[in-house]
């Protein structure tokens, strides 16, 4: 039968493991959100680039007359 000191050490170990798991899960969620934001920003930049290219092409056509 474990003594009181050993029981406390086991509880501390369990608590630190739980905290570690929570931090790992939270870090994973943050990583996923950052990745999603990066993809969203990239898509928005691509959309704006296409619109800008189209506008420049049109302006060049008009100036080429």
PDB file of N, CA and C in Angstrom:
ATOM      1  N   UNK A   1       0.846  -1.183   0.000  1.00  0.00           N
ATOM      2  CA  UNK A   1       0.000   0.000   0.000  1.00  0.00           C
ATOM      3  C   UNK A   1       0.887   1.240   0.000  1.00  0.00           C
ATOM      4  N   UNK A   2       0.655   2.152  -0.947  1.00  0.00           N
ATOM      5  CA  UNK A   2       1.513   3.330  -1.023  1.00  0.00           C
ATOM      6  C   UNK A   2       1.291   4.248   0.169  1.00  0.00           C
ATOM      7  N   UNK A   3       2.367   4.874   0.581  1.00  0.00           N
ATOM      8  CA  UNK A   3       2.237   5.807   1.696  1.00  0.00           C
ATOM      9  C   UNK A   3       1.706   7.149   1.192  1.00  0.00           C
ATOM     10  N   UNK A   4       1.467   8.072   2.117  1.00  0.00           N
ATOM     11  CA  UNK A   4       0.874   9.361   1.780  1.00  0.00           C
ATOM     12  C   UNK A   4       1.775  10.151   0.820  1.00  0.00           C
ATOM     13  N   UNK A   5       3.074  10.096   1.056  1.00  0.00           N
ATOM     14  CA  UNK A   5       4.029  10.806   0.208  1.00  0.00           C
ATOM     15  C   UNK A   5       3.964  10.293  -1.226  1.00  0.00           C
ATOM     16  N   UNK A   6       3.906   8.993  -1.388  1.00  0.00           N
ATOM     17  CA  UNK A   6       3.830   8.401  -2.723  1.00  0.00           C
ATOM     18  C   UNK A   6       2.513   8.762  -3.399  1.00  0.00           C
ATOM     19  N   UNK A   7       1.431   8.781  -2.651  1.00  0.00           N
ATOM     20  CA  UNK A   7       0.127   9.133  -3.206  1.00  0.00           C
ATOM     21  C   UNK A   7       0.130  10.577  -3.714  1.00  0.00           C
ATOM     22  N   UNK A   8       0.759  11.461  -2.959  1.00  0.00           N
ATOM     23  CA  UNK A   8       0.841  12.870  -3.377  1.00  0.00           C
ATOM     24  C   UNK A   8       1.676  12.987  -4.653  1.00  0.00           C
ATOM     25  N   UNK A   9       2.786  12.261  -4.724  1.00  0.00           N
ATOM     26  CA  UNK A   9       3.620  12.292  -5.926  1.00  0.00           C
ATOM     27  C   UNK A   9       2.835  11.782  -7.139  1.00  0.00           C
ATOM     28  N   UNK A  10       2.047  10.747  -6.946  1.00  0.00           N
ATOM     29  CA  UNK A  10       1.239  10.213  -8.039  1.00  0.00           C
ATOM     30  C   UNK A  10       0.207  11.239  -8.507  1.00  0.00           C
ATOM     31  N   UNK A  11      -0.419  11.936  -7.555  1.00  0.00           N
ATOM     32  CA  UNK A  11      -1.402  12.964  -7.904  1.00  0.00           C
ATOM     33  C   UNK A  11      -0.732  14.090  -8.676  1.00  0.00           C
ATOM     34  N   UNK A  12       0.451  14.519  -8.231  1.00  0.00           N
ATOM     35  CA  UNK A  12       1.171  15.581  -8.919  1.00  0.00           C
ATOM     36  C   UNK A  12       1.528  15.140 -10.336  1.00  0.00           C
ATOM     37  N   UNK A  13       1.941  13.916 -10.469  1.00  0.00           N
ATOM     38  CA  UNK A  13       2.297  13.383 -11.778  1.00  0.00           C
ATOM     39  C   UNK A  13       1.077  13.362 -12.690  1.00  0.00           C
ATOM     40  N   UNK A  14      -0.056  12.925 -12.165  1.00  0.00           N
ATOM     41  CA  UNK A  14      -1.298  12.897 -12.940  1.00  0.00           C
ATOM     42  C   UNK A  14      -1.711  14.306 -13.350  1.00  0.00           C
ATOM     43  N   UNK A  15      -1.601  15.265 -12.416  1.00  0.00           N
ATOM     44  CA  UNK A  15      -1.970  16.649 -12.719  1.00  0.00           C
ATOM     45  C   UNK A  15      -1.067  17.237 -13.792  1.00  0.00           C
ATOM     46  N   UNK A  16       0.224  16.991 -13.703  1.00  0.00           N
ATOM     47  CA  UNK A  16       1.130  17.545 -14.704  1.00  0.00           C
ATOM     48  C   UNK A  16       0.876  16.890 -16.056  1.00  0.00           C
ATOM     49  N   UNK A  17       0.518  15.627 -16.046  1.00  0.00           N
ATOM     50  CA  UNK A  17       0.207  14.939 -17.302  1.00  0.00           C
ATOM     51  C   UNK A  17      -1.045  15.546 -17.927  1.00  0.00           C
ATOM     52  N   UNK A  18      -2.046  15.829 -17.123  1.00  0.00           N
ATOM     53  CA  UNK A  18      -3.280  16.431 -17.610  1.00  0.00           C
ATOM     54  C   UNK A  18      -3.003  17.820 -18.184  1.00  0.00           C
ATOM     55  N   UNK A  19      -2.212  18.600 -17.499  1.00  0.00           N
ATOM     56  CA  UNK A  19      -1.862  19.937 -17.986  1.00  0.00           C
ATOM     57  C   UNK A  19      -1.102  19.813 -19.300  1.00  0.00           C
ATOM     58  N   UNK A  20      -0.178  18.894 -19.350  1.00  0.00           N
ATOM     59  CA  UNK A  20       0.605  18.681 -20.571  1.00  0.00           C
ATOM     60  C   UNK A  20      -0.304  18.297 -21.737  1.00  0.00           C
ATOM     61  N   UNK A  21      -1.262  17.418 -21.491  1.00  0.00           N
ATOM     62  CA  UNK A  21      -2.201  17.020 -22.543  1.00  0.00           C
ATOM     63  C   UNK A  21      -3.030  18.209 -23.015  1.00  0.00           C
ATOM     64  N   UNK A  22      -3.496  19.012 -22.071  1.00  0.00           N
ATOM     65  CA  UNK A  22      -4.303  20.181 -22.422  1.00  0.00           C
ATOM     66  C   UNK A  22      -3.490  21.169 -23.243  1.00  0.00           C
ATOM     67  N   UNK A  23      -2.243  21.401 -22.853  1.00  0.00           N
ATOM     68  CA  UNK A  23      -1.394  22.320 -23.603  1.00  0.00           C
ATOM     69  C   UNK A  23      -1.103  21.787 -25.003  1.00  0.00           C
ATOM     70  N   UNK A  24      -0.883  20.506 -25.099  1.00  0.00           N
ATOM     71  CA  UNK A  24      -0.625  19.898 -26.404  1.00  0.00           C
ATOM     72  C   UNK A  24      -1.848  20.033 -27.303  1.00  0.00           C
ATOM     73  N   UNK A  25      -3.019  19.773 -26.757  1.00  0.00           N
ATOM     74  CA  UNK A  25      -4.257  19.914 -27.527  1.00  0.00           C
ATOM     75  C   UNK A  25      -4.474  21.361 -27.966  1.00  0.00           C
ATOM     76  N   UNK A  26      -4.248  22.296 -27.040  1.00  0.00           N
ATOM     77  CA  UNK A  26      -4.430  23.713 -27.360  1.00  0.00           C
ATOM     78  C   UNK A  26      -3.441  24.147 -28.437  1.00  0.00           C
ATOM     79  N   UNK A  27      -2.210  23.697 -28.345  1.00  0.00           N
ATOM     80  CA  UNK A  27      -1.213  24.046 -29.354  1.00  0.00           C
ATOM     81  C   UNK A  27      -1.606  23.481 -30.714  1.00  0.00           C
ATOM     82  N   UNK A  28      -2.148  22.293 -30.736  1.00  0.00           N
ATOM     83  CA  UNK A  28      -2.614  21.701 -31.986  1.00  0.00           C
ATOM     84  C   UNK A  28      -3.743  22.500 -32.604  1.00  0.00           C
ATOM     85  N   UNK A  29      -4.661  22.963 -31.772  1.00  0.00           N
ATOM     86  CA  UNK A  29      -5.773  23.770 -32.269  1.00  0.00           C
ATOM     87  C   UNK A  29      -5.279  25.103 -32.815  1.00  0.00           C
ATOM     88  N   UNK A  30      -4.336  25.719 -32.112  1.00  0.00           N
ATOM     89  CA  UNK A  30      -3.772  26.994 -32.574  1.00  0.00           C
ATOM     90  C   UNK A  30      -3.077  26.792 -33.913  1.00  0.00           C
ATOM     91  N   UNK A  31      -2.305  25.734 -34.027  1.00  0.00           N
ATOM     92  CA  UNK A  31      -1.599  25.441 -35.277  1.00  0.00           C
ATOM     93  C   UNK A  31      -2.593  25.281 -36.427  1.00  0.00           C
ATOM     94  N   UNK A  32      -3.691  24.581 -36.169  1.00  0.00           N
ATOM     95  CA  UNK A  32      -4.704  24.370 -37.198  1.00  0.00           C
ATOM     96  C   UNK A  32      -5.356  25.694 -37.606  1.00  0.00           C
ATOM     97  N   UNK A  33      -5.687  26.535 -36.630  1.00  0.00           N
ATOM     98  CA  UNK A  33      -6.316  27.827 -36.925  1.00  0.00           C
ATOM     99  C   UNK A  33      -5.375  28.722 -37.727  1.00  0.00           C
ATOM    100  N   UNK A  34      -4.104  28.750 -37.348  1.00  0.00           N
ATOM    101  CA  UNK A  34      -3.125  29.567 -38.067  1.00  0.00           C
ATOM    102  C   UNK A  34      -2.992  29.077 -39.500  1.00  0.00           C
ATOM    103  N   UNK A  35      -3.005  27.782 -39.675  1.00  0.00           N
ATOM    104  CA  UNK A  35      -2.921  27.204 -41.014  1.00  0.00           C
ATOM    105  C   UNK A  35      -4.138  27.610 -41.844  1.00  0.00           C
ATOM    106  N   UNK A  36      -5.315  27.563 -41.249  1.00  0.00           N
ATOM    107  CA  UNK A  36      -6.540  27.969 -41.950  1.00  0.00           C
ATOM    108  C   UNK A  36      -6.493  29.452 -42.324  1.00  0.00           C
ATOM    109  N   UNK A  37      -6.011  30.285 -41.405  1.00  0.00           N
ATOM    110  CA  UNK A  37      -5.905  31.717 -41.684  1.00  0.00           C
ATOM    111  C   UNK A  37      -4.913  31.968 -42.813  1.00  0.00           C
ATOM    112  N   UNK A  38      -3.829  31.226 -42.826  1.00  0.00           N
ATOM    113  CA  UNK A  38      -2.843  31.355 -43.893  1.00  0.00           C
ATOM    114  C   UNK A  38      -3.427  31.009 -45.250  1.00  0.00           C
ATOM    115  N   UNK A  39      -4.188  29.921 -45.297  1.00  0.00           N
ATOM    116  CA  UNK A  39      -4.832  29.535 -46.559  1.00  0.00           C
ATOM    117  C   UNK A  39      -5.841  30.590 -46.999  1.00  0.00           C
ATOM    118  N   UNK A  40      -6.591  31.110 -46.057  1.00  0.00           N
ATOM    119  CA  UNK A  40      -7.582  32.137 -46.371  1.00  0.00           C
ATOM    120  C   UNK A  40      -6.901  33.397 -46.905  1.00  0.00           C
ATOM    121  N   UNK A  41      -5.815  33.809 -46.271  1.00  0.00           N
ATOM    122  CA  UNK A  41      -5.077  34.994 -46.730  1.00  0.00           C
ATOM    123  C   UNK A  41      -4.504  34.762 -48.125  1.00  0.00           C
ATOM    124  N   UNK A  42      -3.967  33.585 -48.365  1.00  0.00           N
ATOM    125  CA  UNK A  42      -3.416  33.263 -49.678  1.00  0.00           C
ATOM    126  C   UNK A  42      -4.496  33.323 -50.752  1.00  0.00           C
ATOM    127  N   UNK A  43      -5.666  32.775 -50.450  1.00  0.00           N
ATOM    128  CA  UNK A  43      -6.778  32.806 -51.410  1.00  0.00           C
ATOM    129  C   UNK A  43      -7.205  34.239 -51.717  1.00  0.00           C
ATOM    130  N   UNK A  44      -7.262  35.069 -50.680  1.00  0.00           N
ATOM    131  CA  UNK A  44      -7.679  36.460 -50.865  1.00  0.00           C
ATOM    132  C   UNK A  44      -6.656  37.214 -51.709  1.00  0.00           C
ATOM    133  N   UNK A  45      -5.381  36.981 -51.456  1.00  0.00           N
ATOM    134  CA  UNK A  45      -4.321  37.619 -52.247  1.00  0.00           C
ATOM    135  C   UNK A  45      -4.436  37.192 -53.708  1.00  0.00           C
ATOM    136  N   UNK A  46      -4.662  35.909 -53.943  1.00  0.00           N
ATOM    137  CA  UNK A  46      -4.809  35.419 -55.313  1.00  0.00           C
ATOM    138  C   UNK A  46      -5.999  36.064 -56.016  1.00  0.00           C
ATOM    139  N   UNK A  47      -7.117  36.221 -55.298  1.00  0.00           N
ATOM    140  CA  UNK A  47      -8.290  36.866 -55.881  1.00  0.00           C
ATOM    141  C   UNK A  47      -7.959  38.306 -56.278  1.00  0.00           C
ATOM    142  N   UNK A  48      -7.291  39.022 -55.387  1.00  0.00           N
ATOM    143  CA  UNK A  48      -6.950  40.417 -55.660  1.00  0.00           C
ATOM    144  C   UNK A  48      -5.935  40.521 -56.796  1.00  0.00           C
ATOM    145  N   UNK A  49      -5.021  39.576 -56.858  1.00  0.00           N
ATOM    146  CA  UNK A  49      -4.022  39.587 -57.934  1.00  0.00           C
ATOM    147  C   UNK A  49      -4.703  39.415 -59.285  1.00  0.00           C
ATOM    148  N   UNK A  50      -5.659  38.520 -59.362  1.00  0.00           N
ATOM    149  CA  UNK A  50      -6.384  38.309 -60.622  1.00  0.00           C
ATOM    150  C   UNK A  50      -7.139  39.573 -61.041  1.00  0.00           C
ATOM    151  N   UNK A  51      -7.783  40.226 -60.101  1.00  0.00           N
ATOM    152  CA  UNK A  51      -8.522  41.452 -60.412  1.00  0.00           C
ATOM    153  C   UNK A  51      -7.562  42.548 -60.859  1.00  0.00           C
ATOM    154  N   UNK A  52      -6.440  42.681 -60.200  1.00  0.00           N
ATOM    155  CA  UNK A  52      -5.455  43.703 -60.577  1.00  0.00           C
ATOM    156  C   UNK A  52      -4.883  43.415 -61.960  1.00  0.00           C
ATOM    157  N   UNK A  53      -4.569  42.174 -62.247  1.00  0.00           N
ATOM    158  CA  UNK A  53      -4.031  41.805 -63.553  1.00  0.00           C
ATOM    159  C   UNK A  53      -5.040  42.102 -64.655  1.00  0.00           C
ATOM    160  N   UNK A  54      -6.286  41.808 -64.388  1.00  0.00           N
ATOM    161  CA  UNK A  54      -7.330  42.071 -65.368  1.00  0.00           C
ATOM    162  C   UNK A  54      -7.447  43.572 -65.630  1.00  0.00           C
ATOM    163  N   UNK A  55      -7.404  44.365 -64.584  1.00  0.00           N
ATOM    164  CA  UNK A  55      -7.477  45.827 -64.731  1.00  0.00           C
ATOM    165  C   UNK A  55      -6.289  46.370 -65.498  1.00  0.00           C
ATOM    166  N   UNK A  56      -5.091  45.880 -65.225  1.00  0.00           N
ATOM    167  CA  UNK A  56      -3.900  46.318 -65.942  1.00  0.00           C
ATOM    168  C   UNK A  56      -3.963  45.924 -67.415  1.00  0.00           C
ATOM    169  N   UNK A  57      -4.472  44.754 -67.676  1.00  0.00           N
ATOM    170  CA  UNK A  57      -4.606  44.293 -69.068  1.00  0.00           C
ATOM    171  C   UNK A  57      -5.558  45.188 -69.830  1.00  0.00           C
ATOM    172  N   UNK A  58      -6.669  45.538 -69.186  1.00  0.00           N
ATOM    173  CA  UNK A  58      -7.650  46.421 -69.817  1.00  0.00           C
ATOM    174  C   UNK A  58      -7.054  47.798 -70.063  1.00  0.00           C
ATOM    175  N   UNK A  59      -6.344  48.328 -69.079  1.00  0.00           N
ATOM    176  CA  UNK A  59      -5.717  49.657 -69.233  1.00  0.00           C
ATOM    177  C   UNK A  59      -4.677  49.615 -70.354  1.00  0.00           C
ATOM    178  N   UNK A  60      -3.908  48.558 -70.444  1.00  0.00           N
ATOM    179  CA  UNK A  60      -2.912  48.436 -71.504  1.00  0.00           C
ATOM    180  C   UNK A  60      -3.565  48.368 -72.867  1.00  0.00           C
ATOM    181  N   UNK A  61      -4.694  47.696 -72.957  1.00  0.00           N
ATOM    182  CA  UNK A  61      -5.426  47.607 -74.222  1.00  0.00           C
ATOM    183  C   UNK A  61      -5.884  48.980 -74.676  1.00  0.00           C
ATOM    184  N   UNK A  62      -6.382  49.759 -73.750  1.00  0.00           N
ATOM    185  CA  UNK A  62      -6.888  51.105 -74.063  1.00  0.00           C
ATOM    186  C   UNK A  62      -5.727  52.006 -74.500  1.00  0.00           C
ATOM    187  N   UNK A  63      -4.602  51.921 -73.822  1.00  0.00           N
ATOM    188  CA  UNK A  63      -3.450  52.753 -74.143  1.00  0.00           C
ATOM    189  C   UNK A  63      -2.796  52.328 -75.456  1.00  0.00           C
ATOM    190  N   UNK A  64      -2.977  51.117 -75.878  1.00  0.00           N
ATOM    191  CA  UNK A  64      -2.357  50.576 -77.072  1.00  0.00           C
ATOM    192  C   UNK A  64      -3.038  51.076 -78.339  1.00  0.00           C
ATOM    193  N   UNK A  65      -4.164  51.757 -78.212  1.00  0.00           N
ATOM    194  CA  UNK A  65      -4.886  52.230 -79.391  1.00  0.00           C
ATOM    195  C   UNK A  65      -4.037  53.140 -80.160  1.00  0.00           C
TER     196      UNK A  65
END
